[in-house]
């Protein structure tokens, strides 16, 4: 899940300085869960924009705006309102914003209403935890399912930093050291020998941007 936060209304209004008529796009998945781009959030931003003198001509919430087919379907349903708009304000992660731009056939100004923060897992209470850096070279199998690239502030691949103190991270003594967590997990699984295996340095070419995977015909 991509975690987002809404931009301040002042920043949104500044980006809309040259646009009077606005169409809103939300996200039925990640941004709805984050409470940054669901029905309630779009209703609130509509009120805020109208109070600032903007005209909200319509809105839609694709289940996943990052998927072209979902966005195209919603745009087809709202074609009349979109023709009245000067800008599309998107409340999703940056992927959704760019998908909207790619699938807008009217050449409208497409603007983000959110900042994209990180990819996360969601626990049973609805809290968000960043646990993967999308590095392109997963090491979870060697580290007891704990990612040192993400959970260690220095991304260390081979054991804790010398400043680790009583199992806590040198950078933030409120956090457990990722490598202490790895050691405990491997110990529980009776695979402590893996802890002594030297991991190769990361191949940063695998996390080079932008990625693309083409569908074979």
Protein backbone atom coordinates (compact mmCIF):
# COMPACT_ATOMS: atom_id res chain seq x y z
CA UNK A 1 0.00 0.00 0.00
CA UNK A 2 1.23 3.51 -0.87
CA UNK A 3 0.84 5.87 2.06
CA UNK A 4 -0.08 9.48 1.33
CA UNK A 5 -0.86 12.70 3.16
CA UNK A 6 -3.05 15.52 1.87
CA UNK A 7 -1.25 18.67 0.84
CA UNK A 8 -2.15 21.80 2.83
CA UNK A 9 -5.11 23.64 1.31
CA UNK A 10 -2.90 26.71 0.85
CA UNK A 11 -0.54 24.75 -1.38
CA UNK A 12 -3.44 23.27 -3.34
CA UNK A 13 -4.97 26.70 -3.92
CA UNK A 14 -1.63 28.06 -5.04
CA UNK A 15 -1.32 25.30 -7.64
CA UNK A 16 -4.86 26.14 -8.83
CA UNK A 17 -4.18 29.87 -9.11
CA UNK A 18 -4.82 29.90 -12.87
CA UNK A 19 -7.73 27.44 -12.81
CA UNK A 20 -11.27 28.23 -11.70
CA UNK A 21 -13.15 25.04 -12.59
CA UNK A 22 -11.85 21.84 -11.00
CA UNK A 23 -12.65 18.13 -11.32
CA UNK A 24 -11.66 15.92 -8.37
CA UNK A 25 -10.28 12.38 -8.59
CA UNK A 26 -9.87 10.16 -5.54
CA UNK A 27 -8.62 6.62 -5.00
CA UNK A 28 -10.75 3.72 -3.83
CA UNK A 29 -7.84 1.73 -2.46
CA UNK A 30 -4.72 3.16 -0.80
CA UNK A 31 -5.83 6.79 -0.41
CA UNK A 32 -9.25 5.73 0.89
CA UNK A 33 -7.54 3.55 3.51
CA UNK A 34 -5.18 6.42 4.41
CA UNK A 35 -8.18 8.79 4.60
CA UNK A 36 -6.62 11.13 2.07
CA UNK A 37 -8.66 10.42 -1.08
CA UNK A 38 -11.93 8.69 -0.26
CA UNK A 39 -15.52 9.97 -0.41
CA UNK A 40 -15.34 11.88 2.87
CA UNK A 41 -12.04 13.53 1.96
CA UNK A 42 -13.26 14.60 -1.49
CA UNK A 43 -16.43 16.05 0.06
CA UNK A 44 -14.32 18.04 2.51
CA UNK A 45 -11.94 19.35 -0.16
CA UNK A 46 -14.91 20.28 -2.36
CA UNK A 47 -16.25 22.45 0.46
CA UNK A 48 -12.83 24.03 1.06
CA UNK A 49 -12.35 24.81 -2.63
CA UNK A 50 -15.79 26.31 -3.00
CA UNK A 51 -15.25 28.48 0.06
CA UNK A 52 -12.09 29.73 -1.67
CA UNK A 53 -14.12 30.67 -4.75
CA UNK A 54 -13.37 27.65 -6.94
CA UNK A 55 -16.04 25.72 -8.84
CA UNK A 56 -15.92 21.94 -8.43
CA UNK A 57 -17.61 20.64 -11.58
CA UNK A 58 -17.49 16.95 -10.70
CA UNK A 59 -15.65 14.11 -9.01
CA UNK A 60 -14.95 10.40 -9.30
CA UNK A 61 -13.16 7.74 -7.28
CA UNK A 62 -11.66 5.00 -9.46
CA UNK A 63 -11.07 1.85 -7.44
CA UNK A 64 -7.41 2.08 -8.50
CA UNK A 65 -6.51 5.24 -10.48
CA UNK A 66 -3.01 3.84 -11.12
CA UNK A 67 -4.67 1.27 -13.43
CA UNK A 68 -5.42 2.87 -16.79
CA UNK A 69 -8.59 0.86 -17.44
CA UNK A 70 -10.11 1.96 -14.11
CA UNK A 71 -9.38 5.62 -14.81
CA UNK A 72 -10.65 5.47 -18.38
CA UNK A 73 -13.93 3.92 -17.23
CA UNK A 74 -14.54 6.70 -14.69
CA UNK A 75 -13.56 9.41 -17.18
CA UNK A 76 -16.04 8.01 -19.71
CA UNK A 77 -18.81 8.21 -17.10
CA UNK A 78 -17.87 11.81 -16.27
CA UNK A 79 -17.00 13.12 -19.74
CA UNK A 80 -19.50 16.01 -19.60
CA UNK A 81 -18.14 17.34 -16.31
CA UNK A 82 -14.55 16.92 -17.45
CA UNK A 83 -15.23 19.06 -20.52
CA UNK A 84 -16.23 21.88 -18.19
CA UNK A 85 -13.06 21.60 -16.10
CA UNK A 86 -9.77 23.45 -16.43
CA UNK A 87 -7.87 21.22 -14.02
CA UNK A 88 -8.02 17.75 -12.49
CA UNK A 89 -6.99 17.59 -8.84
CA UNK A 90 -5.97 14.04 -7.89
CA UNK A 91 -6.05 12.70 -4.34
CA UNK A 92 -3.91 9.59 -4.64
CA UNK A 93 -0.24 8.70 -4.72
CA UNK A 94 1.96 10.02 -7.51
CA UNK A 95 1.27 6.88 -9.53
CA UNK A 96 -2.42 7.74 -9.68
CA UNK A 97 -1.66 11.35 -10.61
CA UNK A 98 0.51 10.28 -13.53
CA UNK A 99 -2.00 7.66 -14.66
CA UNK A 100 -4.68 10.36 -14.72
CA UNK A 101 -2.36 12.59 -16.78
CA UNK A 102 -1.60 9.76 -19.21
CA UNK A 103 -5.29 8.99 -19.71
CA UNK A 104 -6.62 12.56 -19.90
CA UNK A 105 -7.61 13.19 -23.53
CA UNK A 106 -8.63 16.82 -22.99
CA UNK A 107 -5.20 18.23 -22.20
CA UNK A 108 -6.29 19.51 -18.79
CA UNK A 109 -3.92 20.61 -16.06
CA UNK A 110 -3.42 17.60 -13.77
CA UNK A 111 -2.33 18.39 -10.21
CA UNK A 112 -1.56 16.33 -7.07
CA UNK A 113 -3.62 16.81 -3.93
CA UNK A 114 -1.40 14.52 -1.85
CA UNK A 115 2.22 13.85 -1.05
CA UNK A 116 3.38 10.23 -1.48
CA UNK A 117 5.24 9.06 1.62
CA UNK A 118 6.11 5.34 1.55
CA UNK A 119 4.96 1.79 0.87
CA UNK A 120 3.60 0.07 3.95
CA UNK A 121 1.94 -2.93 5.51
CA UNK A 122 -1.21 -2.32 7.57
CA UNK A 123 -1.73 -4.01 10.93
CA UNK A 124 -5.01 -5.10 12.50
CA UNK A 125 -5.50 -1.70 14.14
CA UNK A 126 -5.03 0.18 10.87
CA UNK A 127 -1.51 1.45 11.61
CA UNK A 128 0.97 1.82 8.73
CA UNK A 129 4.52 0.45 8.84
CA UNK A 130 7.19 0.86 6.18
CA UNK A 131 8.89 -2.53 5.81
CA UNK A 132 10.09 -2.65 2.19
CA UNK A 133 12.24 -0.26 0.16
CA UNK A 134 11.47 -1.85 -3.23
CA UNK A 135 15.22 -2.26 -3.73
CA UNK A 136 14.95 -4.87 -6.46
CA UNK A 137 17.12 -7.39 -4.60
CA UNK A 138 15.11 -9.00 -1.78
CA UNK A 139 17.15 -10.43 1.12
CA UNK A 140 14.28 -11.53 3.39
CA UNK A 141 15.04 -15.23 2.94
CA UNK A 142 18.54 -14.74 4.39
CA UNK A 143 17.44 -12.48 7.23
CA UNK A 144 14.52 -14.19 8.91
CA UNK A 145 11.94 -12.12 7.07
CA UNK A 146 13.33 -8.85 8.45
CA UNK A 147 14.53 -6.24 5.93
CA UNK A 148 17.74 -4.47 7.00
CA UNK A 149 17.66 -2.23 3.92
CA UNK A 150 14.49 -0.61 5.26
CA UNK A 151 14.56 -1.10 9.03
CA UNK A 152 18.22 -0.16 9.47
CA UNK A 153 18.65 3.62 8.92
CA UNK A 154 22.02 2.91 7.32
CA UNK A 155 20.76 -0.02 5.25
CA UNK A 156 23.50 -2.29 6.57
CA UNK A 157 23.63 -5.70 4.89
CA UNK A 158 26.02 -7.43 7.30
CA UNK A 159 25.40 -7.10 10.99
CA UNK A 160 24.75 -4.20 13.35
CA UNK A 161 26.67 -0.94 13.40
CA UNK A 162 29.21 -0.53 16.18
CA UNK A 163 27.06 2.13 17.84
CA UNK A 164 24.18 -0.27 18.54
CA UNK A 165 23.49 -0.18 22.28
CA UNK A 166 21.56 -2.79 24.28
CA UNK A 167 19.66 -3.92 21.22
CA UNK A 168 18.60 -0.40 20.27
CA UNK A 169 19.44 1.57 17.12
CA UNK A 170 22.24 4.15 17.31
CA UNK A 171 20.19 6.62 15.25
CA UNK A 172 17.00 6.24 17.31
CA UNK A 173 17.30 4.59 20.72
CA UNK A 174 13.52 4.04 20.80
CA UNK A 175 13.82 1.56 17.92
CA UNK A 176 15.08 -2.00 18.04
CA UNK A 177 18.22 -2.60 16.00
CA UNK A 178 17.20 -4.39 12.79
CA UNK A 179 20.10 -6.79 13.12
CA UNK A 180 19.15 -7.74 16.66
CA UNK A 181 15.68 -8.55 15.31
CA UNK A 182 17.25 -10.61 12.53
CA UNK A 183 19.42 -12.51 15.01
CA UNK A 184 16.42 -13.34 17.21
CA UNK A 185 14.36 -14.53 14.23
CA UNK A 186 17.15 -16.77 12.93
CA UNK A 187 17.73 -18.10 16.45
CA UNK A 188 14.05 -19.04 16.79
CA UNK A 189 14.19 -20.87 13.46
CA UNK A 190 17.47 -22.59 14.39
CA UNK A 191 19.15 -20.99 11.40
CA UNK A 192 21.69 -18.88 13.26
CA UNK A 193 24.42 -20.05 10.87
CA UNK A 194 22.84 -17.75 8.26
CA UNK A 195 23.76 -14.78 10.45
CA UNK A 196 27.43 -15.47 9.82
CA UNK A 197 27.11 -15.58 6.05
CA UNK A 198 28.49 -12.50 4.34
CA UNK A 199 25.96 -10.80 2.08
CA UNK A 200 27.19 -9.18 -1.11
CA UNK A 201 26.96 -5.43 -1.47
CA UNK A 202 23.72 -4.25 -3.05
CA UNK A 203 23.56 -4.14 -6.82
CA UNK A 204 22.22 -0.60 -7.11
CA UNK A 205 21.60 -1.06 -10.83
CA UNK A 206 18.59 -3.17 -9.84
CA UNK A 207 17.00 -0.15 -8.17
CA UNK A 208 17.82 2.23 -11.01
CA UNK A 209 14.86 4.35 -12.12
CA UNK A 210 12.57 4.43 -13.94
CA UNK A 211 11.69 0.72 -14.11
CA UNK A 212 9.42 -0.80 -16.70
CA UNK A 213 8.16 -4.29 -17.44
CA UNK A 214 6.69 -4.75 -20.89
CA UNK A 215 3.90 -7.25 -21.52
CA UNK A 216 4.95 -9.76 -24.15
CA UNK A 217 2.69 -10.01 -27.16
